[in-house]
């Protein structure tokens, strides 16, 4: 895991975020996701500068997950380090909103 993934994992593990259970590096079909709350079908992805070159791959991956009922939240590495409380507030908000009836494009936080 990257430094940013390790940092956010500290806040997600052991039900630290309002009791929601997250799993890291979890396989969903043909992809390995960074973090997932299966109860809420919320996938949290941490993106760094390397992801600028992977826009098409990320889009296909998000579409694959959304077709299986998952919502995808993308968070930039620098936000994890500069505004972890804002990031966690945004993730919690995504967990607590009612999912849309139809899949939409991935959410970029914050």
N, C-alpha and C. Protein backbone atom coordinates (compact mmCIF):
# COMPACT_ATOMS: atom_id res chain seq x y z
N UNK A 1 0.84 -1.19 0.00
CA UNK A 1 0.00 0.00 0.00
C UNK A 1 0.88 1.25 0.00
N UNK A 2 0.36 2.31 -0.59
CA UNK A 2 1.08 3.58 -0.61
C UNK A 2 0.97 4.26 0.75
N UNK A 3 1.75 5.31 0.94
CA UNK A 3 1.67 6.07 2.19
C UNK A 3 0.27 6.64 2.40
N UNK A 4 -0.33 7.15 1.33
CA UNK A 4 -1.68 7.72 1.44
C UNK A 4 -2.69 6.63 1.80
N UNK A 5 -2.55 5.45 1.20
CA UNK A 5 -3.46 4.34 1.52
C UNK A 5 -3.29 3.90 2.97
N UNK A 6 -2.05 3.84 3.43
CA UNK A 6 -1.81 3.48 4.83
C UNK A 6 -2.43 4.50 5.78
N UNK A 7 -2.32 5.77 5.43
CA UNK A 7 -2.88 6.82 6.29
C UNK A 7 -4.41 6.72 6.37
N UNK A 8 -5.07 6.58 5.24
CA UNK A 8 -6.53 6.51 5.28
C UNK A 8 -6.99 5.19 5.91
N UNK A 9 -6.21 4.13 5.74
CA UNK A 9 -6.56 2.85 6.35
C UNK A 9 -6.61 2.96 7.87
N UNK A 10 -5.74 3.78 8.44
CA UNK A 10 -5.76 4.00 9.88
C UNK A 10 -7.14 4.46 10.34
N UNK A 11 -7.79 5.30 9.54
CA UNK A 11 -9.09 5.87 9.90
C UNK A 11 -10.26 4.96 9.53
N UNK A 12 -10.05 4.05 8.58
CA UNK A 12 -11.13 3.18 8.12
C UNK A 12 -11.17 1.83 8.86
N UNK A 13 -10.02 1.36 9.31
CA UNK A 13 -9.96 0.00 9.87
C UNK A 13 -10.66 -0.09 11.22
N UNK A 14 -10.97 -1.31 11.59
CA UNK A 14 -11.58 -1.62 12.89
C UNK A 14 -12.84 -0.82 13.18
N UNK A 15 -13.61 -0.55 12.13
CA UNK A 15 -14.90 0.15 12.27
C UNK A 15 -14.76 1.53 12.91
N UNK A 16 -13.63 2.19 12.68
CA UNK A 16 -13.38 3.50 13.29
C UNK A 16 -14.25 4.61 12.72
N UNK A 17 -14.73 4.43 11.52
CA UNK A 17 -15.55 5.46 10.90
C UNK A 17 -17.03 5.13 11.14
N UNK A 18 -17.55 5.60 12.25
CA UNK A 18 -18.97 5.44 12.62
C UNK A 18 -19.46 4.00 12.57
N UNK A 19 -18.56 3.06 12.82
CA UNK A 19 -18.94 1.65 12.90
C UNK A 19 -19.01 0.92 11.56
N UNK A 20 -18.69 1.60 10.46
CA UNK A 20 -18.73 0.95 9.15
C UNK A 20 -17.50 0.07 8.97
N UNK A 21 -17.70 -1.14 8.46
CA UNK A 21 -16.60 -2.07 8.24
C UNK A 21 -16.05 -1.90 6.83
N UNK A 22 -14.76 -1.65 6.75
CA UNK A 22 -14.06 -1.55 5.47
C UNK A 22 -13.07 -2.69 5.34
N UNK A 23 -12.88 -3.13 4.12
CA UNK A 23 -11.88 -4.14 3.78
C UNK A 23 -10.92 -3.48 2.80
N UNK A 24 -9.63 -3.75 2.96
CA UNK A 24 -8.65 -3.16 2.03
C UNK A 24 -8.20 -4.20 1.02
N UNK A 25 -7.79 -3.73 -0.13
CA UNK A 25 -7.27 -4.58 -1.20
C UNK A 25 -8.18 -5.79 -1.43
N UNK A 26 -9.44 -5.50 -1.70
CA UNK A 26 -10.47 -6.53 -1.85
C UNK A 26 -10.75 -6.80 -3.33
N UNK A 27 -10.91 -8.06 -3.68
CA UNK A 27 -11.20 -8.44 -5.06
C UNK A 27 -12.70 -8.33 -5.31
N UNK A 28 -13.05 -7.60 -6.35
CA UNK A 28 -14.42 -7.54 -6.84
C UNK A 28 -14.36 -7.88 -8.32
N UNK A 29 -14.79 -9.08 -8.65
CA UNK A 29 -14.72 -9.54 -10.04
C UNK A 29 -13.29 -9.60 -10.52
N UNK A 30 -12.99 -8.79 -11.53
CA UNK A 30 -11.65 -8.81 -12.14
C UNK A 30 -10.73 -7.71 -11.61
N UNK A 31 -11.19 -6.97 -10.61
CA UNK A 31 -10.42 -5.85 -10.08
C UNK A 31 -10.13 -6.01 -8.59
N UNK A 32 -9.04 -5.39 -8.16
CA UNK A 32 -8.73 -5.26 -6.74
C UNK A 32 -8.97 -3.80 -6.38
N UNK A 33 -9.86 -3.57 -5.43
CA UNK A 33 -10.18 -2.20 -5.03
C UNK A 33 -9.36 -1.82 -3.81
N UNK A 34 -9.11 -0.53 -3.64
CA UNK A 34 -8.32 -0.06 -2.49
C UNK A 34 -9.04 -0.36 -1.19
N UNK A 35 -10.27 0.14 -1.05
CA UNK A 35 -11.06 -0.05 0.17
C UNK A 35 -12.52 -0.19 -0.21
N UNK A 36 -13.23 -1.07 0.47
CA UNK A 36 -14.65 -1.24 0.19
C UNK A 36 -15.42 -1.46 1.49
N UNK A 37 -16.57 -0.81 1.56
CA UNK A 37 -17.55 -1.10 2.60
C UNK A 37 -18.63 -1.91 1.89
N UNK A 38 -18.60 -3.23 2.09
CA UNK A 38 -19.54 -4.09 1.37
C UNK A 38 -20.98 -3.84 1.79
N UNK A 39 -21.18 -3.52 3.06
CA UNK A 39 -22.53 -3.25 3.56
C UNK A 39 -23.21 -2.13 2.77
N UNK A 40 -22.45 -1.09 2.44
CA UNK A 40 -22.98 0.06 1.72
C UNK A 40 -22.60 0.05 0.24
N UNK A 41 -21.83 -0.97 -0.17
CA UNK A 41 -21.36 -1.09 -1.56
C UNK A 41 -20.67 0.20 -2.01
N UNK A 42 -19.78 0.69 -1.14
CA UNK A 42 -19.02 1.90 -1.42
C UNK A 42 -17.55 1.55 -1.57
N UNK A 43 -16.99 1.90 -2.70
CA UNK A 43 -15.59 1.65 -3.01
C UNK A 43 -14.84 2.98 -2.91
N UNK A 44 -13.76 3.01 -2.12
CA UNK A 44 -12.94 4.21 -1.96
C UNK A 44 -11.60 3.96 -2.63
N UNK A 45 -11.27 4.77 -3.61
CA UNK A 45 -10.01 4.65 -4.35
C UNK A 45 -9.13 5.86 -4.06
N UNK A 46 -7.86 5.60 -3.81
CA UNK A 46 -6.88 6.66 -3.56
C UNK A 46 -6.05 6.83 -4.83
N UNK A 47 -6.10 8.02 -5.40
CA UNK A 47 -5.41 8.30 -6.66
C UNK A 47 -4.22 9.23 -6.44
N UNK A 48 -3.12 8.89 -7.08
CA UNK A 48 -1.93 9.73 -7.05
C UNK A 48 -1.62 10.23 -8.44
N UNK A 49 -0.44 10.79 -8.61
CA UNK A 49 -0.06 11.35 -9.91
C UNK A 49 -0.02 10.28 -11.00
N UNK A 50 0.25 9.03 -10.64
CA UNK A 50 0.28 7.95 -11.62
C UNK A 50 -1.08 7.73 -12.27
N UNK A 51 -2.14 8.15 -11.61
CA UNK A 51 -3.49 7.94 -12.14
C UNK A 51 -3.83 8.90 -13.26
N UNK A 52 -3.05 9.94 -13.44
CA UNK A 52 -3.31 10.87 -14.54
C UNK A 52 -3.16 10.14 -15.88
N UNK A 53 -2.30 9.13 -15.92
CA UNK A 53 -2.08 8.36 -17.14
C UNK A 53 -3.07 7.21 -17.28
N UNK A 54 -3.90 6.98 -16.28
CA UNK A 54 -4.78 5.81 -16.26
C UNK A 54 -6.26 6.20 -16.28
N UNK A 55 -6.57 7.32 -16.90
CA UNK A 55 -7.95 7.81 -16.88
C UNK A 55 -8.90 6.81 -17.54
N UNK A 56 -8.53 6.28 -18.70
CA UNK A 56 -9.40 5.32 -19.39
C UNK A 56 -9.58 4.05 -18.57
N UNK A 57 -8.50 3.55 -18.01
CA UNK A 57 -8.57 2.36 -17.16
C UNK A 57 -9.47 2.60 -15.97
N UNK A 58 -9.30 3.74 -15.30
CA UNK A 58 -10.13 4.07 -14.14
C UNK A 58 -11.60 4.17 -14.52
N UNK A 59 -11.89 4.73 -15.67
CA UNK A 59 -13.27 4.86 -16.12
C UNK A 59 -13.89 3.48 -16.36
N UNK A 60 -13.18 2.61 -17.06
CA UNK A 60 -13.68 1.25 -17.30
C UNK A 60 -13.90 0.51 -15.99
N UNK A 61 -12.96 0.65 -15.10
CA UNK A 61 -13.03 0.00 -13.79
C UNK A 61 -14.24 0.51 -13.00
N UNK A 62 -14.42 1.81 -12.97
CA UNK A 62 -15.57 2.40 -12.27
C UNK A 62 -16.88 1.92 -12.88
N UNK A 63 -16.95 1.88 -14.19
CA UNK A 63 -18.17 1.41 -14.85
C UNK A 63 -18.45 -0.06 -14.50
N UNK A 64 -17.41 -0.87 -14.49
CA UNK A 64 -17.55 -2.29 -14.12
C UNK A 64 -18.13 -2.41 -12.71
N UNK A 65 -17.56 -1.66 -11.77
CA UNK A 65 -18.02 -1.73 -10.37
C UNK A 65 -19.44 -1.19 -10.23
N UNK A 66 -19.73 -0.09 -10.91
CA UNK A 66 -21.07 0.50 -10.83
C UNK A 66 -22.13 -0.43 -11.41
N UNK A 67 -21.79 -1.16 -12.46
CA UNK A 67 -22.73 -2.13 -13.02
C UNK A 67 -23.03 -3.26 -12.03
N UNK A 68 -22.18 -3.43 -11.06
CA UNK A 68 -22.38 -4.44 -10.02
C UNK A 68 -22.94 -3.83 -8.73
N UNK A 69 -23.39 -2.59 -8.83
CA UNK A 69 -24.06 -1.95 -7.71
C UNK A 69 -23.19 -1.17 -6.76
N UNK A 70 -21.90 -1.04 -7.06
CA UNK A 70 -20.99 -0.29 -6.18
C UNK A 70 -20.94 1.17 -6.59
N UNK A 71 -20.81 2.04 -5.60
CA UNK A 71 -20.51 3.45 -5.86
C UNK A 71 -19.00 3.61 -5.68
N UNK A 72 -18.41 4.46 -6.49
CA UNK A 72 -16.96 4.67 -6.47
C UNK A 72 -16.66 6.10 -6.05
N UNK A 73 -15.83 6.23 -5.03
CA UNK A 73 -15.37 7.53 -4.56
C UNK A 73 -13.86 7.59 -4.79
N UNK A 74 -13.41 8.62 -5.50
CA UNK A 74 -11.99 8.78 -5.78
C UNK A 74 -11.44 9.93 -4.95
N UNK A 75 -10.32 9.69 -4.30
CA UNK A 75 -9.69 10.68 -3.42
C UNK A 75 -8.23 10.85 -3.86
N UNK A 76 -7.79 12.08 -3.98
CA UNK A 76 -6.40 12.35 -4.36
C UNK A 76 -5.48 12.16 -3.16
N UNK A 77 -4.29 11.62 -3.43
CA UNK A 77 -3.26 11.43 -2.39
C UNK A 77 -3.06 12.69 -1.55
N UNK A 78 -2.88 13.82 -2.21
CA UNK A 78 -2.56 15.04 -1.47
C UNK A 78 -3.68 15.45 -0.52
N UNK A 79 -4.93 15.12 -0.85
CA UNK A 79 -6.04 15.43 0.06
C UNK A 79 -5.97 14.60 1.33
N UNK A 80 -5.50 13.37 1.20
CA UNK A 80 -5.35 12.50 2.38
C UNK A 80 -4.36 13.12 3.36
N UNK A 81 -3.30 13.74 2.85
CA UNK A 81 -2.28 14.32 3.72
C UNK A 81 -2.61 15.74 4.18
N UNK A 82 -3.30 16.50 3.35
CA UNK A 82 -3.56 17.90 3.69
C UNK A 82 -4.89 18.14 4.38
N UNK A 83 -5.84 17.21 4.20
CA UNK A 83 -7.18 17.45 4.74
C UNK A 83 -7.86 16.13 5.10
N UNK A 84 -7.23 15.33 5.95
CA UNK A 84 -7.78 14.01 6.27
C UNK A 84 -9.16 14.12 6.90
N UNK A 85 -9.39 15.12 7.73
CA UNK A 85 -10.72 15.24 8.36
C UNK A 85 -11.79 15.52 7.31
N UNK A 86 -11.48 16.38 6.36
CA UNK A 86 -12.42 16.65 5.27
C UNK A 86 -12.68 15.42 4.42
N UNK A 87 -11.63 14.65 4.17
CA UNK A 87 -11.77 13.41 3.41
C UNK A 87 -12.68 12.44 4.15
N UNK A 88 -12.44 12.26 5.44
CA UNK A 88 -13.24 11.31 6.22
C UNK A 88 -14.68 11.78 6.34
N UNK A 89 -14.89 13.08 6.48
CA UNK A 89 -16.26 13.62 6.51
C UNK A 89 -16.98 13.33 5.19
N UNK A 90 -16.26 13.47 4.09
CA UNK A 90 -16.85 13.22 2.77
C UNK A 90 -17.17 11.74 2.58
N UNK A 91 -16.28 10.86 3.02
CA UNK A 91 -16.53 9.42 2.92
C UNK A 91 -17.75 9.06 3.78
N UNK A 92 -17.81 9.59 4.99
CA UNK A 92 -18.95 9.32 5.86
C UNK A 92 -20.25 9.81 5.22
N UNK A 93 -20.21 10.97 4.61
CA UNK A 93 -21.39 11.49 3.92
C UNK A 93 -21.83 10.51 2.82
N UNK A 94 -20.88 10.02 2.04
CA UNK A 94 -21.20 9.06 0.97
C UNK A 94 -21.80 7.78 1.54
N UNK A 95 -21.32 7.34 2.69
CA UNK A 95 -21.85 6.14 3.33
C UNK A 95 -23.29 6.33 3.78
N UNK A 96 -23.62 7.53 4.20
CA UNK A 96 -24.92 7.77 4.82
C UNK A 96 -25.99 8.28 3.87
N UNK A 97 -25.61 8.63 2.65
CA UNK A 97 -26.64 9.06 1.69
C UNK A 97 -27.29 7.83 1.08
N UNK A 98 -28.52 8.01 0.63
CA UNK A 98 -29.22 6.92 -0.03
C UNK A 98 -28.63 6.78 -1.43
N UNK A 99 -28.21 5.57 -1.82
CA UNK A 99 -27.63 5.40 -3.16
C UNK A 99 -28.64 5.76 -4.24
N UNK A 100 -28.12 6.24 -5.34
CA UNK A 100 -28.96 6.56 -6.49
C UNK A 100 -29.50 5.27 -7.09
N UNK A 101 -30.67 5.35 -7.70
CA UNK A 101 -31.29 4.17 -8.30
C UNK A 101 -30.49 3.67 -9.49
N UNK A 102 -29.86 4.59 -10.22
CA UNK A 102 -29.06 4.18 -11.37
C UNK A 102 -27.62 4.61 -11.14
N UNK A 103 -26.67 3.82 -11.67
CA UNK A 103 -25.26 4.18 -11.49
C UNK A 103 -24.96 5.53 -12.12
N UNK A 104 -24.08 6.28 -11.48
CA UNK A 104 -23.64 7.56 -12.01
C UNK A 104 -22.13 7.53 -12.14
N UNK A 105 -21.57 8.62 -12.57
CA UNK A 105 -20.12 8.67 -12.69
C UNK A 105 -19.51 8.72 -11.30
N UNK A 106 -18.25 8.28 -11.17
CA UNK A 106 -17.62 8.24 -9.85
C UNK A 106 -17.54 9.62 -9.23
N UNK A 107 -17.59 9.64 -7.92
CA UNK A 107 -17.49 10.88 -7.17
C UNK A 107 -16.04 11.17 -6.87
N UNK A 108 -15.60 12.39 -7.10
CA UNK A 108 -14.24 12.80 -6.78
C UNK A 108 -14.31 13.66 -5.53
N UNK A 109 -13.59 13.23 -4.49
CA UNK A 109 -13.64 13.94 -3.21
C UNK A 109 -12.30 14.55 -2.89
N UNK A 110 -12.24 15.49 -1.99
CA UNK A 110 -13.30 16.37 -1.55
C UNK A 110 -13.55 17.45 -2.55
